[in-house]
């Protein structure tokens, strides 16, 4: 007699035979019952007994493996699944489970191999496509991961979790509108999908849809009142909307639920800082383990006038995180302000490392070449005043979209030009003793984005914490009108620390100019009144911990 049993989402089949291979249906039904009511300890004991008495009964090994997965006993689950596979090497469910277990064990190549075998045996196996998508995402094969999530929902259109994961990928790639649609689809399929509401809120926050973000964070919290992440993210949205009292309450709720939750502590610290409550800002920043909080603590100490403590902390940080861009920026500032060097040797004098080149030394027809780049950029999606960025009255490439990842056409040529100029840059400064030069990363990891400023557009003071060296390529410039309009200004002054006597430098660019500078050097764009566009490509040389020049 053919029997069907559902274990989780998997339908298990077996033929009942009263012999020394197959246990009775009563025994199996009892095992499945305890599994389905989540009595995993009893279910494990029963499954172990069955597999001992009936070692060739494949279904029992499959159920035992499922129990071990639920109990996070991955090594035992692997062993049980392998026994099941010996008894039926073409069982696609076992291969899928093996792929999942290898994924949990961090053996991603083995995970990929088994999941692909499962798919080859059952080409419409949506769960295997989903698991393969997760494995490929971990391996940073993003395009392949996306393809597998899309295939999962093709064969299982109501697969809410796959839509949520697809949204995560699209958000990571900067395709925010597509991510918004995927999360919305997941919620439509599963109206109580807490994580999807939170993810949708985060995406809408980046899109500047703050009211919609607030609504979806609130829905996530209503469904899961102890959802720490949503409280913290809701606080960010409320802060952006100017509702500071509510934002503080939201951060505080997250911290009450988890006193060590770094994101909420950091966000509340920033809120206190903006309200000039520097002691409270320092308290929260010191309680936060994130690296961003370290420099916030230094700036709070600066506001409190505790200079001696700043120097002691910078000395300690120089031994632990000697190449932190944000700390390096502040260390350079305080050194000039106090006329006393700090222990931080990343780039104590960043203004000395500005370098200018021009595309004209690499191409025959600069005008035609630049026009070609702009035409290629016109095909790339941008967003107006992206959330959390310095661009004001302008468009910027979507978050996570790297212009220099697998480039083609003139942008590919541009990448080669940048690499060539970076080599010259390094040779120019190679004898400088600071770690910015002495630990200069290999020139192979460049992240680029496009910025189009409109009338009255500018970029506020900022640094590039993820970079090592940063650069700007000017494709279209604006007239200065004798007031430095459209110029880039470099300074040691930051957004939250300023000294009138700090040195600064303004540079009025021409078309084709490439400006290189340390990522720790503060810079901004001076607003312009000409009714035209100012078009640039910015880029960072990302540090590579495995190799240096």
Foldseek 3Di string as FASTA:
>chain_A
DWDWADQPNDIDIDDDDPDQQHDHPVLVVVLSVCRVVPVLVVSLVSLVVCCVSRVLHLVSLQSNLVSCVVVVVLVSSLVSLVSSCVSPVQDLVSLLSNLVSCVVVVNLVSSLVSLVSSCVSPVLPLSSLQSNLVSVVVVVVLVSSLVSLVSSCVSVVLPLVSLQVNLVSCQLQQVLVSSLVSLVSSCVSPVLPLVSLQSNLVSVVQQVVLVSSLVSLVSSCVSPVLPLVSLQVNLVSCVVVVVNVSSLVSLVSSCVSPVAPQSSLQVNLVSCVVVVVLVSSLVSLVSHPDPVSLLSNLLSCVSVVVVVVSLVSLLVVCVVPLQFLQSQLVQLVVCVVVVHHGPRQQPNPFVVLKDKDFCVVPDPDQLVLLVVVVVVVVVADWHAPGPPFQKDQKTKGGNNNFCADPHDDSSVVVLVVVLVVVVVSLVVCCPDDGCLNVQAADQDDKGKMKMKHFAQIKGDKDFDRQFFKKKKAWSDADDCVVPLAFWKKWWSAGPSGDDPPTDMDIDRDDHRMMMMTGRSIIMMTHTDHDGDITMMMMMGRGHDPPGHD
